[in-house]
Amino acid sequence: MMLADQIRGLVERGEYERALDLGIAASLNDRLEPDALQALYGMTAKLRSECIDLASKKADVGPVYQALEAMLLKANELTGEDMYGRRV
């Protein structure tokens, strides 16, 4: 199975940390292909959406939000995005 497919599958199941770990490992080994990076962009978009949803419900405090935000920040470091999804 291709790395991008593995990442997408994990994201669909909400296993963001495992998906991010795969991306980081691939990056460290210079194996982060464009398709895998696209899958990670999809993950950051989903994480961003979940964070915004919680914030709109005034639920942007507590362990659930903090865990999602921390995951988004780590993923953004890998993808080169900012908190708004812009590539910097």
N, C-alpha and C. Protein backbone atom coordinates (compact mmCIF):
# COMPACT_ATOMS: atom_id res chain seq x y z
N MET A 1 0.85 -1.18 0.00
CA MET A 1 0.00 0.00 0.00
C MET A 1 0.89 1.24 0.00
N MET A 2 0.52 2.20 -0.81
CA MET A 2 1.28 3.45 -0.91
C MET A 2 1.15 4.25 0.40
N LEU A 3 2.17 5.02 0.70
CA LEU A 3 2.19 5.83 1.91
C LEU A 3 1.00 6.78 1.95
N ALA A 4 0.69 7.41 0.83
CA ALA A 4 -0.44 8.35 0.78
C ALA A 4 -1.74 7.65 1.15
N ASP A 5 -1.93 6.43 0.65
CA ASP A 5 -3.14 5.67 0.97
C ASP A 5 -3.19 5.31 2.45
N GLN A 6 -2.04 4.96 3.01
CA GLN A 6 -1.99 4.64 4.43
C GLN A 6 -2.37 5.87 5.26
N ILE A 7 -1.82 7.01 4.90
CA ILE A 7 -2.11 8.24 5.64
C ILE A 7 -3.60 8.58 5.52
N ARG A 8 -4.14 8.51 4.31
CA ARG A 8 -5.56 8.82 4.12
C ARG A 8 -6.45 7.89 4.95
N GLY A 9 -6.11 6.61 4.96
CA GLY A 9 -6.89 5.64 5.73
C GLY A 9 -6.87 5.95 7.21
N LEU A 10 -5.71 6.29 7.72
CA LEU A 10 -5.60 6.64 9.14
C LEU A 10 -6.39 7.90 9.45
N VAL A 11 -6.32 8.88 8.57
CA VAL A 11 -7.06 10.13 8.78
C VAL A 11 -8.56 9.86 8.78
N GLU A 12 -9.03 9.03 7.85
CA GLU A 12 -10.45 8.70 7.80
C GLU A 12 -10.93 8.06 9.09
N ARG A 13 -10.05 7.30 9.74
CA ARG A 13 -10.41 6.64 11.00
C ARG A 13 -10.13 7.53 12.21
N GLY A 14 -9.64 8.74 11.97
CA GLY A 14 -9.35 9.66 13.07
C GLY A 14 -8.06 9.36 13.79
N GLU A 15 -7.20 8.56 13.18
CA GLU A 15 -5.92 8.20 13.79
C GLU A 15 -4.84 9.19 13.32
N TYR A 16 -5.03 10.44 13.72
CA TYR A 16 -4.16 11.51 13.25
C TYR A 16 -2.71 11.33 13.70
N GLU A 17 -2.53 10.90 14.93
CA GLU A 17 -1.16 10.77 15.44
C GLU A 17 -0.38 9.72 14.65
N ARG A 18 -1.01 8.61 14.35
CA ARG A 18 -0.34 7.58 13.56
C ARG A 18 -0.04 8.08 12.15
N ALA A 19 -0.98 8.82 11.57
CA ALA A 19 -0.77 9.38 10.23
C ALA A 19 0.41 10.35 10.25
N LEU A 20 0.45 11.18 11.26
CA LEU A 20 1.54 12.15 11.38
C LEU A 20 2.87 11.43 11.59
N ASP A 21 2.88 10.39 12.40
CA ASP A 21 4.11 9.62 12.62
C ASP A 21 4.64 9.04 11.31
N LEU A 22 3.73 8.53 10.47
CA LEU A 22 4.15 8.01 9.16
C LEU A 22 4.77 9.12 8.31
N GLY A 23 4.14 10.28 8.32
CA GLY A 23 4.65 11.41 7.55
C GLY A 23 6.01 11.86 8.03
N ILE A 24 6.17 11.93 9.35
CA ILE A 24 7.45 12.36 9.92
C ILE A 24 8.54 11.35 9.57
N ALA A 25 8.23 10.06 9.72
CA ALA A 25 9.22 9.02 9.40
C ALA A 25 9.63 9.10 7.93
N ALA A 26 8.66 9.30 7.06
CA ALA A 26 8.97 9.40 5.63
C ALA A 26 9.82 10.63 5.35
N SER A 27 9.52 11.72 6.01
CA SER A 27 10.28 12.96 5.82
C SER A 27 11.72 12.79 6.28
N LEU A 28 11.91 12.12 7.39
CA LEU A 28 13.26 11.90 7.91
C LEU A 28 14.09 11.03 6.98
N ASN A 29 13.42 10.15 6.24
CA ASN A 29 14.11 9.26 5.30
C ASN A 29 14.07 9.79 3.87
N ASP A 30 13.67 11.05 3.70
CA ASP A 30 13.56 11.65 2.36
C ASP A 30 12.64 10.85 1.44
N ARG A 31 11.55 10.31 2.00
CA ARG A 31 10.61 9.52 1.21
C ARG A 31 9.21 10.16 1.19
N LEU A 32 9.11 11.41 1.53
CA LEU A 32 7.80 12.06 1.56
C LEU A 32 7.44 12.52 0.15
N GLU A 33 6.74 11.65 -0.54
CA GLU A 33 6.34 11.89 -1.93
C GLU A 33 5.24 12.95 -1.99
N PRO A 34 5.04 13.58 -3.15
CA PRO A 34 3.99 14.59 -3.30
C PRO A 34 2.59 14.07 -2.93
N ASP A 35 2.27 12.82 -3.27
CA ASP A 35 0.95 12.27 -2.92
C ASP A 35 0.77 12.17 -1.41
N ALA A 36 1.83 11.77 -0.72
CA ALA A 36 1.76 11.66 0.74
C ALA A 36 1.63 13.05 1.36
N LEU A 37 2.32 14.02 0.80
CA LEU A 37 2.20 15.39 1.30
C LEU A 37 0.78 15.91 1.09
N GLN A 38 0.17 15.58 -0.05
CA GLN A 38 -1.22 15.97 -0.29
C GLN A 38 -2.14 15.34 0.75
N ALA A 39 -1.87 14.09 1.11
CA ALA A 39 -2.68 13.41 2.14
C ALA A 39 -2.53 14.12 3.48
N LEU A 40 -1.33 14.59 3.77
CA LEU A 40 -1.10 15.33 5.01
C LEU A 40 -1.80 16.69 4.97
N TYR A 41 -1.85 17.33 3.80
CA TYR A 41 -2.62 18.58 3.68
C TYR A 41 -4.09 18.31 3.99
N GLY A 42 -4.59 17.18 3.53
CA GLY A 42 -5.97 16.80 3.85
C GLY A 42 -6.18 16.63 5.34
N MET A 43 -5.18 16.04 6.00
CA MET A 43 -5.28 15.85 7.44
C MET A 43 -5.27 17.19 8.16
N THR A 44 -4.40 18.12 7.76
CA THR A 44 -4.36 19.41 8.44
C THR A 44 -5.67 20.17 8.22
N ALA A 45 -6.25 20.04 7.05
CA ALA A 45 -7.54 20.69 6.79
C ALA A 45 -8.62 20.13 7.72
N LYS A 46 -8.60 18.82 7.90
CA LYS A 46 -9.59 18.19 8.77
C LYS A 46 -9.37 18.60 10.23
N LEU A 47 -8.12 18.60 10.67
CA LEU A 47 -7.82 19.02 12.03
C LEU A 47 -8.21 20.48 12.25
N ARG A 48 -7.89 21.32 11.28
CA ARG A 48 -8.23 22.74 11.37
C ARG A 48 -9.74 22.91 11.50
N SER A 49 -10.48 22.17 10.71
CA SER A 49 -11.94 22.24 10.74
C SER A 49 -12.48 21.81 12.10
N GLU A 50 -11.92 20.75 12.65
CA GLU A 50 -12.38 20.28 13.96
C GLU A 50 -12.06 21.31 15.05
N CYS A 51 -10.90 21.94 14.97
CA CYS A 51 -10.54 22.98 15.94
C CYS A 51 -11.49 24.17 15.84
N ILE A 52 -11.78 24.59 14.62
CA ILE A 52 -12.68 25.72 14.41
C ILE A 52 -14.08 25.37 14.91
N ASP A 53 -14.52 24.15 14.66
CA ASP A 53 -15.84 23.72 15.13
C ASP A 53 -15.92 23.78 16.65
N LEU A 54 -14.91 23.27 17.32
CA LEU A 54 -14.90 23.33 18.79
C LEU A 54 -14.86 24.77 19.28
N ALA A 55 -14.06 25.61 18.64
CA ALA A 55 -13.97 27.01 19.05
C ALA A 55 -15.31 27.72 18.87
N SER A 56 -16.02 27.40 17.79
CA SER A 56 -17.31 28.05 17.54
C SER A 56 -18.35 27.65 18.59
N LYS A 57 -18.12 26.52 19.23
CA LYS A 57 -19.02 26.05 20.29
C LYS A 57 -18.51 26.44 21.67
N LYS A 58 -17.52 27.34 21.68
CA LYS A 58 -16.89 27.80 22.93
C LYS A 58 -16.29 26.63 23.70
N ALA A 59 -15.83 25.62 22.97
CA ALA A 59 -15.22 24.44 23.58
C ALA A 59 -13.73 24.38 23.26
N ASP A 60 -13.12 25.56 23.12
CA ASP A 60 -11.71 25.60 22.74
C ASP A 60 -10.78 25.66 23.96
N VAL A 61 -11.22 25.04 25.01
CA VAL A 61 -10.40 24.82 26.20
C VAL A 61 -10.57 23.35 26.58
N GLY A 62 -9.63 22.84 27.29
CA GLY A 62 -9.73 21.46 27.73
C GLY A 62 -8.89 20.51 26.91
N PRO A 63 -8.82 19.28 27.36
CA PRO A 63 -7.89 18.31 26.78
C PRO A 63 -8.20 17.92 25.33
N VAL A 64 -9.46 17.85 24.94
CA VAL A 64 -9.80 17.45 23.57
C VAL A 64 -9.29 18.49 22.58
N TYR A 65 -9.63 19.74 22.83
CA TYR A 65 -9.19 20.81 21.94
C TYR A 65 -7.67 20.93 21.95
N GLN A 66 -7.08 20.89 23.13
CA GLN A 66 -5.63 21.03 23.23
C GLN A 66 -4.90 19.94 22.47
N ALA A 67 -5.41 18.72 22.53
CA ALA A 67 -4.79 17.60 21.80
C ALA A 67 -4.90 17.82 20.29
N LEU A 68 -6.07 18.25 19.82
CA LEU A 68 -6.24 18.51 18.39
C LEU A 68 -5.35 19.64 17.92
N GLU A 69 -5.30 20.71 18.70
CA GLU A 69 -4.48 21.85 18.33
C GLU A 69 -2.99 21.49 18.31
N ALA A 70 -2.55 20.71 19.30
CA ALA A 70 -1.15 20.29 19.34
C ALA A 70 -0.81 19.43 18.12
N MET A 71 -1.74 18.55 17.75
CA MET A 71 -1.53 17.70 16.58
C MET A 71 -1.45 18.56 15.32
N LEU A 72 -2.33 19.56 15.22
CA LEU A 72 -2.32 20.46 14.07
C LEU A 72 -1.01 21.23 13.99
N LEU A 73 -0.52 21.72 15.10
CA LEU A 73 0.74 22.46 15.10
C LEU A 73 1.90 21.58 14.63
N LYS A 74 1.94 20.33 15.10
CA LYS A 74 3.00 19.41 14.67
C LYS A 74 2.88 19.11 13.18
N ALA A 75 1.66 18.89 12.73
CA ALA A 75 1.44 18.60 11.31
C ALA A 75 1.81 19.80 10.45
N ASN A 76 1.49 21.00 10.93
CA ASN A 76 1.83 22.21 10.18
C ASN A 76 3.34 22.36 10.03
N GLU A 77 4.09 21.97 11.04
CA GLU A 77 5.55 22.02 10.93
C GLU A 77 6.03 21.14 9.78
N LEU A 78 5.41 19.98 9.64
CA LEU A 78 5.81 19.04 8.60
C LEU A 78 5.39 19.53 7.21
N THR A 79 4.18 20.09 7.11
CA THR A 79 3.65 20.49 5.81
C THR A 79 4.07 21.90 5.40
N GLY A 80 4.58 22.68 6.35
CA GLY A 80 4.97 24.05 6.03
C GLY A 80 3.79 24.99 5.96
N GLU A 81 2.72 24.65 6.65
CA GLU A 81 1.52 25.50 6.66
C GLU A 81 1.47 26.33 7.93
N ASP A 82 0.67 27.40 7.90
CA ASP A 82 0.38 28.13 9.12
C ASP A 82 -0.97 27.66 9.65
N MET A 83 -1.47 28.31 10.68
CA MET A 83 -2.72 27.87 11.30
C MET A 83 -3.94 28.07 10.40
N TYR A 84 -3.78 28.83 9.32
CA TYR A 84 -4.88 29.07 8.40
C TYR A 84 -4.78 28.21 7.14
N GLY A 85 -3.77 27.35 7.09
CA GLY A 85 -3.60 26.48 5.94
C GLY A 85 -2.79 27.07 4.81
N ARG A 86 -2.26 28.27 5.04
CA ARG A 86 -1.41 28.88 4.00
C ARG A 86 -0.03 28.26 4.07
N ARG A 87 0.53 27.99 2.92
CA ARG A 87 1.89 27.42 2.88
C ARG A 87 2.88 28.56 3.00
N VAL A 88 3.70 28.47 4.02
CA VAL A 88 4.67 29.54 4.30
C VAL A 88 6.08 29.09 4.00
